[in-house]
Amino acid sequence: MLGRYVGKWFYDKGIPFDAVNSPYFPPMVSAIQRVGLGVKPSTAYELSGPILDEEVEEVKKWIEEYKQS
């Protein structure tokens, strides 16, 4: 049943099927499994605001570390 729900989400949003080959897909699924029942999905605001901001900061940090190396 899980596969069907994941599939419906992919089909509804037109997500390319090879997105499951992303190195970020398995850790996402594992994180959801660890949280367990009652997990709340991120909101559009969280994804476009605070979560995006955290990712931008992580990339900036990585770039700075790369420049120093």
PDB file of N, CA and C in Angstrom:
ATOM      1  N   MET A   1       0.828  -1.197   0.000  1.00  0.00           N
ATOM      2  CA  MET A   1       0.000   0.000   0.000  1.00  0.00           C
ATOM      3  C   MET A   1       0.873   1.262   0.000  1.00  0.00           C
ATOM      4  N   LEU A   2       1.989   1.202   0.709  1.00  0.00           N
ATOM      5  CA  LEU A   2       2.885   2.355   0.752  1.00  0.00           C
ATOM      6  C   LEU A   2       3.319   2.749  -0.656  1.00  0.00           C
ATOM      7  N   GLY A   3       3.678   1.753  -1.464  1.00  0.00           N
ATOM      8  CA  GLY A   3       4.087   2.031  -2.838  1.00  0.00           C
ATOM      9  C   GLY A   3       3.005   2.742  -3.632  1.00  0.00           C
ATOM     10  N   ARG A   4       1.773   2.370  -3.406  1.00  0.00           N
ATOM     11  CA  ARG A   4       0.671   3.010  -4.118  1.00  0.00           C
ATOM     12  C   ARG A   4       0.541   4.475  -3.727  1.00  0.00           C
ATOM     13  N   TYR A   5       0.685   4.781  -2.421  1.00  0.00           N
ATOM     14  CA  TYR A   5       0.584   6.172  -1.985  1.00  0.00           C
ATOM     15  C   TYR A   5       1.755   6.998  -2.508  1.00  0.00           C
ATOM     16  N   VAL A   6       2.931   6.423  -2.476  1.00  0.00           N
ATOM     17  CA  VAL A   6       4.089   7.128  -3.031  1.00  0.00           C
ATOM     18  C   VAL A   6       3.874   7.347  -4.523  1.00  0.00           C
ATOM     19  N   GLY A   7       3.398   6.326  -5.199  1.00  0.00           N
ATOM     20  CA  GLY A   7       3.119   6.434  -6.631  1.00  0.00           C
ATOM     21  C   GLY A   7       2.106   7.528  -6.929  1.00  0.00           C
ATOM     22  N   LYS A   8       1.030   7.572  -6.169  1.00  0.00           N
ATOM     23  CA  LYS A   8       0.006   8.603  -6.389  1.00  0.00           C
ATOM     24  C   LYS A   8       0.602  10.003  -6.259  1.00  0.00           C
ATOM     25  N   TRP A   9       1.479  10.172  -5.269  1.00  0.00           N
ATOM     26  CA  TRP A   9       2.122  11.481  -5.083  1.00  0.00           C
ATOM     27  C   TRP A   9       2.995  11.817  -6.288  1.00  0.00           C
ATOM     28  N   PHE A  10       3.787  10.848  -6.761  1.00  0.00           N
ATOM     29  CA  PHE A  10       4.621  11.060  -7.948  1.00  0.00           C
ATOM     30  C   PHE A  10       3.750  11.409  -9.156  1.00  0.00           C
ATOM     31  N   TYR A  11       2.683  10.646  -9.380  1.00  0.00           N
ATOM     32  CA  TYR A  11       1.821  10.871 -10.543  1.00  0.00           C
ATOM     33  C   TYR A  11       1.128  12.223 -10.466  1.00  0.00           C
ATOM     34  N   ASP A  12       0.602  12.560  -9.301  1.00  0.00           N
ATOM     35  CA  ASP A  12      -0.141  13.803  -9.119  1.00  0.00           C
ATOM     36  C   ASP A  12       0.726  15.026  -9.366  1.00  0.00           C
ATOM     37  N   LYS A  13       1.956  14.980  -8.920  1.00  0.00           N
ATOM     38  CA  LYS A  13       2.848  16.142  -9.030  1.00  0.00           C
ATOM     39  C   LYS A  13       3.792  16.077 -10.223  1.00  0.00           C
ATOM     40  N   GLY A  14       3.668  15.033 -11.030  1.00  0.00           N
ATOM     41  CA  GLY A  14       4.506  14.920 -12.226  1.00  0.00           C
ATOM     42  C   GLY A  14       5.990  14.774 -11.896  1.00  0.00           C
ATOM     43  N   ILE A  15       6.283  14.115 -10.794  1.00  0.00           N
ATOM     44  CA  ILE A  15       7.672  13.917 -10.388  1.00  0.00           C
ATOM     45  C   ILE A  15       8.263  12.815 -11.260  1.00  0.00           C
ATOM     46  N   PRO A  16       9.421  13.056 -11.859  1.00  0.00           N
ATOM     47  CA  PRO A  16      10.035  12.002 -12.684  1.00  0.00           C
ATOM     48  C   PRO A  16      10.316  10.750 -11.844  1.00  0.00           C
ATOM     49  N   PHE A  17      10.067   9.604 -12.418  1.00  0.00           N
ATOM     50  CA  PHE A  17      10.231   8.351 -11.690  1.00  0.00           C
ATOM     51  C   PHE A  17      11.662   8.136 -11.220  1.00  0.00           C
ATOM     52  N   ASP A  18      12.636   8.662 -11.975  1.00  0.00           N
ATOM     53  CA  ASP A  18      14.023   8.449 -11.561  1.00  0.00           C
ATOM     54  C   ASP A  18      14.404   9.297 -10.349  1.00  0.00           C
ATOM     55  N   ALA A  19      13.461  10.080  -9.829  1.00  0.00           N
ATOM     56  CA  ALA A  19      13.715  10.820  -8.587  1.00  0.00           C
ATOM     57  C   ALA A  19      14.012   9.864  -7.440  1.00  0.00           C
ATOM     58  N   VAL A  20      13.517   8.624  -7.536  1.00  0.00           N
ATOM     59  CA  VAL A  20      13.818   7.647  -6.485  1.00  0.00           C
ATOM     60  C   VAL A  20      15.289   7.262  -6.488  1.00  0.00           C
ATOM     61  N   ASN A  21      16.011   7.569  -7.574  1.00  0.00           N
ATOM     62  CA  ASN A  21      17.446   7.283  -7.638  1.00  0.00           C
ATOM     63  C   ASN A  21      18.288   8.389  -7.012  1.00  0.00           C
ATOM     64  N   SER A  22      17.643   9.451  -6.559  1.00  0.00           N
ATOM     65  CA  SER A  22      18.347  10.538  -5.896  1.00  0.00           C
ATOM     66  C   SER A  22      18.993  10.006  -4.618  1.00  0.00           C
ATOM     67  N   PRO A  23      20.200  10.460  -4.306  1.00  0.00           N
ATOM     68  CA  PRO A  23      20.824  10.015  -3.051  1.00  0.00           C
ATOM     69  C   PRO A  23      20.078  10.531  -1.821  1.00  0.00           C
ATOM     70  N   TYR A  24      19.159  11.472  -2.009  1.00  0.00           N
ATOM     71  CA  TYR A  24      18.401  12.023  -0.887  1.00  0.00           C
ATOM     72  C   TYR A  24      17.102  11.270  -0.614  1.00  0.00           C
ATOM     73  N   PHE A  25      16.677  10.411  -1.543  1.00  0.00           N
ATOM     74  CA  PHE A  25      15.412   9.695  -1.369  1.00  0.00           C
ATOM     75  C   PHE A  25      15.463   8.649  -0.249  1.00  0.00           C
ATOM     76  N   PRO A  26      16.450   7.725  -0.262  1.00  0.00           N
ATOM     77  CA  PRO A  26      16.478   6.724   0.824  1.00  0.00           C
ATOM     78  C   PRO A  26      16.607   7.326   2.225  1.00  0.00           C
ATOM     79  N   PRO A  27      17.456   8.363   2.441  1.00  0.00           N
ATOM     80  CA  PRO A  27      17.501   8.933   3.786  1.00  0.00           C
ATOM     81  C   PRO A  27      16.175   9.580   4.201  1.00  0.00           C
ATOM     82  N   MET A  28      15.444  10.135   3.238  1.00  0.00           N
ATOM     83  CA  MET A  28      14.149  10.718   3.545  1.00  0.00           C
ATOM     84  C   MET A  28      13.189   9.631   4.034  1.00  0.00           C
ATOM     85  N   VAL A  29      13.154   8.515   3.310  1.00  0.00           N
ATOM     86  CA  VAL A  29      12.272   7.412   3.694  1.00  0.00           C
ATOM     87  C   VAL A  29      12.680   6.879   5.066  1.00  0.00           C
ATOM     88  N   SER A  30      13.975   6.741   5.306  1.00  0.00           N
ATOM     89  CA  SER A  30      14.457   6.251   6.606  1.00  0.00           C
ATOM     90  C   SER A  30      14.070   7.201   7.737  1.00  0.00           C
ATOM     91  N   ALA A  31      14.181   8.503   7.498  1.00  0.00           N
ATOM     92  CA  ALA A  31      13.815   9.478   8.526  1.00  0.00           C
ATOM     93  C   ALA A  31      12.328   9.387   8.854  1.00  0.00           C
ATOM     94  N   ILE A  32      11.500   9.208   7.836  1.00  0.00           N
ATOM     95  CA  ILE A  32      10.062   9.061   8.055  1.00  0.00           C
ATOM     96  C   ILE A  32       9.786   7.795   8.872  1.00  0.00           C
ATOM     97  N   GLN A  33      10.486   6.717   8.555  1.00  0.00           N
ATOM     98  CA  GLN A  33      10.294   5.472   9.297  1.00  0.00           C
ATOM     99  C   GLN A  33      10.677   5.639  10.769  1.00  0.00           C
ATOM    100  N   ARG A  34      11.776   6.339  11.025  1.00  0.00           N
ATOM    101  CA  ARG A  34      12.238   6.526  12.405  1.00  0.00           C
ATOM    102  C   ARG A  34      11.249   7.343  13.225  1.00  0.00           C
ATOM    103  N   VAL A  35      10.638   8.348  12.604  1.00  0.00           N
ATOM    104  CA  VAL A  35       9.678   9.179  13.335  1.00  0.00           C
ATOM    105  C   VAL A  35       8.451   8.354  13.694  1.00  0.00           C
ATOM    106  N   GLY A  36       8.009   7.528  12.779  1.00  0.00           N
ATOM    107  CA  GLY A  36       6.901   6.626  13.068  1.00  0.00           C
ATOM    108  C   GLY A  36       5.534   7.271  12.925  1.00  0.00           C
ATOM    109  N   LEU A  37       4.575   6.640  13.595  1.00  0.00           N
ATOM    110  CA  LEU A  37       3.185   7.087  13.499  1.00  0.00           C
ATOM    111  C   LEU A  37       3.030   8.509  14.018  1.00  0.00           C
ATOM    112  N   GLY A  38       2.145   9.231  13.380  1.00  0.00           N
ATOM    113  CA  GLY A  38       1.845  10.589  13.826  1.00  0.00           C
ATOM    114  C   GLY A  38       2.759  11.651  13.244  1.00  0.00           C
ATOM    115  N   VAL A  39       3.678  11.260  12.370  1.00  0.00           N
ATOM    116  CA  VAL A  39       4.560  12.248  11.760  1.00  0.00           C
ATOM    117  C   VAL A  39       3.722  13.240  10.950  1.00  0.00           C
ATOM    118  N   LYS A  40       4.031  14.508  11.080  1.00  0.00           N
ATOM    119  CA  LYS A  40       3.322  15.550  10.335  1.00  0.00           C
ATOM    120  C   LYS A  40       4.183  15.953   9.138  1.00  0.00           C
ATOM    121  N   PRO A  41       3.622  15.984   7.945  1.00  0.00           N
ATOM    122  CA  PRO A  41       4.399  16.414   6.787  1.00  0.00           C
ATOM    123  C   PRO A  41       4.738  17.899   6.881  1.00  0.00           C
ATOM    124  N   SER A  42       5.840  18.268   6.278  1.00  0.00           N
ATOM    125  CA  SER A  42       6.228  19.680   6.239  1.00  0.00           C
ATOM    126  C   SER A  42       5.198  20.461   5.445  1.00  0.00           C
ATOM    127  N   THR A  43       4.995  21.704   5.843  1.00  0.00           N
ATOM    128  CA  THR A  43       4.065  22.569   5.117  1.00  0.00           C
ATOM    129  C   THR A  43       4.802  23.248   3.966  1.00  0.00           C
ATOM    130  N   ALA A  44       4.047  23.827   3.042  1.00  0.00           N
ATOM    131  CA  ALA A  44       4.655  24.580   1.941  1.00  0.00           C
ATOM    132  C   ALA A  44       5.468  25.743   2.503  1.00  0.00           C
ATOM    133  N   TYR A  45       4.957  26.382   3.552  1.00  0.00           N
ATOM    134  CA  TYR A  45       5.697  27.486   4.174  1.00  0.00           C
ATOM    135  C   TYR A  45       7.039  27.001   4.724  1.00  0.00           C
ATOM    136  N   GLU A  46       7.029  25.879   5.440  1.00  0.00           N
ATOM    137  CA  GLU A  46       8.275  25.357   6.014  1.00  0.00           C
ATOM    138  C   GLU A  46       9.284  25.006   4.927  1.00  0.00           C
ATOM    139  N   LEU A  47       8.800  24.381   3.854  1.00  0.00           N
ATOM    140  CA  LEU A  47       9.699  23.997   2.762  1.00  0.00           C
ATOM    141  C   LEU A  47      10.273  25.203   2.033  1.00  0.00           C
ATOM    142  N   SER A  48       9.467  26.255   1.876  1.00  0.00           N
ATOM    143  CA  SER A  48       9.931  27.423   1.127  1.00  0.00           C
ATOM    144  C   SER A  48      10.572  28.478   2.020  1.00  0.00           C
ATOM    145  N   GLY A  49      10.496  28.273   3.333  1.00  0.00           N
ATOM    146  CA  GLY A  49      11.044  29.254   4.273  1.00  0.00           C
ATOM    147  C   GLY A  49      12.166  28.672   5.101  1.00  0.00           C
ATOM    148  N   PRO A  50      11.870  28.268   6.337  1.00  0.00           N
ATOM    149  CA  PRO A  50      12.917  27.833   7.258  1.00  0.00           C
ATOM    150  C   PRO A  50      13.751  26.649   6.779  1.00  0.00           C
ATOM    151  N   ILE A  51      13.127  25.653   6.183  1.00  0.00           N
ATOM    152  CA  ILE A  51      13.882  24.485   5.721  1.00  0.00           C
ATOM    153  C   ILE A  51      14.798  24.877   4.568  1.00  0.00           C
ATOM    154  N   LEU A  52      14.285  25.673   3.636  1.00  0.00           N
ATOM    155  CA  LEU A  52      15.106  26.152   2.523  1.00  0.00           C
ATOM    156  C   LEU A  52      16.266  26.999   3.040  1.00  0.00           C
ATOM    157  N   ASP A  53      15.985  27.853   4.013  1.00  0.00           N
ATOM    158  CA  ASP A  53      17.043  28.687   4.588  1.00  0.00           C
ATOM    159  C   ASP A  53      18.163  27.835   5.188  1.00  0.00           C
ATOM    160  N   GLU A  54      17.797  26.765   5.888  1.00  0.00           N
ATOM    161  CA  GLU A  54      18.801  25.864   6.464  1.00  0.00           C
ATOM    162  C   GLU A  54      19.650  25.214   5.375  1.00  0.00           C
ATOM    163  N   GLU A  55      19.007  24.808   4.283  1.00  0.00           N
ATOM    164  CA  GLU A  55      19.751  24.184   3.188  1.00  0.00           C
ATOM    165  C   GLU A  55      20.701  25.175   2.523  1.00  0.00           C
ATOM    166  N   VAL A  56      20.235  26.411   2.347  1.00  0.00           N
ATOM    167  CA  VAL A  56      21.087  27.448   1.748  1.00  0.00           C
ATOM    168  C   VAL A  56      22.312  27.670   2.624  1.00  0.00           C
ATOM    169  N   GLU A  57      22.119  27.734   3.932  1.00  0.00           N
ATOM    170  CA  GLU A  57      23.246  27.927   4.849  1.00  0.00           C
ATOM    171  C   GLU A  57      24.215  26.754   4.783  1.00  0.00           C
ATOM    172  N   GLU A  58      23.686  25.543   4.668  1.00  0.00           N
ATOM    173  CA  GLU A  58      24.545  24.366   4.553  1.00  0.00           C
ATOM    174  C   GLU A  58      25.396  24.422   3.288  1.00  0.00           C
ATOM    175  N   VAL A  59      24.784  24.836   2.183  1.00  0.00           N
ATOM    176  CA  VAL A  59      25.524  24.936   0.922  1.00  0.00           C
ATOM    177  C   VAL A  59      26.584  26.038   1.012  1.00  0.00           C
ATOM    178  N   LYS A  60      26.231  27.163   1.620  1.00  0.00           N
ATOM    179  CA  LYS A  60      27.203  28.247   1.791  1.00  0.00           C
ATOM    180  C   LYS A  60      28.393  27.768   2.610  1.00  0.00           C
ATOM    181  N   LYS A  61      28.120  27.024   3.661  1.00  0.00           N
ATOM    182  CA  LYS A  61      29.183  26.485   4.513  1.00  0.00           C
ATOM    183  C   LYS A  61      30.074  25.542   3.704  1.00  0.00           C
ATOM    184  N   TRP A  62      29.453  24.663   2.919  1.00  0.00           N
ATOM    185  CA  TRP A  62      30.207  23.727   2.092  1.00  0.00           C
ATOM    186  C   TRP A  62      31.084  24.475   1.099  1.00  0.00           C
ATOM    187  N   ILE A  63      30.541  25.521   0.471  1.00  0.00           N
ATOM    188  CA  ILE A  63      31.306  26.329  -0.493  1.00  0.00           C
ATOM    189  C   ILE A  63      32.499  26.965   0.192  1.00  0.00           C
ATOM    190  N   GLU A  64      32.292  27.514   1.378  1.00  0.00           N
ATOM    191  CA  GLU A  64      33.387  28.162   2.114  1.00  0.00           C
ATOM    192  C   GLU A  64      34.473  27.149   2.475  1.00  0.00           C
ATOM    193  N   GLU A  65      34.079  25.978   2.911  1.00  0.00           N
ATOM    194  CA  GLU A  65      35.047  24.922   3.237  1.00  0.00           C
ATOM    195  C   GLU A  65      35.804  24.493   1.984  1.00  0.00           C
ATOM    196  N   TYR A  66      35.104  24.419   0.855  1.00  0.00           N
ATOM    197  CA  TYR A  66      35.732  24.028  -0.414  1.00  0.00           C
ATOM    198  C   TYR A  66      36.766  25.085  -0.824  1.00  0.00           C
ATOM    199  N   LYS A  67      36.387  26.344  -0.706  1.00  0.00           N
ATOM    200  CA  LYS A  67      37.316  27.425  -1.066  1.00  0.00           C
ATOM    201  C   LYS A  67      38.575  27.365  -0.214  1.00  0.00           C
ATOM    202  N   GLN A  68      38.425  27.044   1.072  1.00  0.00           N
ATOM    203  CA  GLN A  68      39.579  26.998   1.970  1.00  0.00           C
ATOM    204  C   GLN A  68      40.479  25.804   1.689  1.00  0.00           C
ATOM    205  N   SER A  69      39.911  24.755   1.113  1.00  0.00           N
ATOM    206  CA  SER A  69      40.740  23.588   0.804  1.00  0.00           C
ATOM    207  C   SER A  69      41.443  23.792  -0.512  1.00  0.00           C
TER     208      SER A  69
END
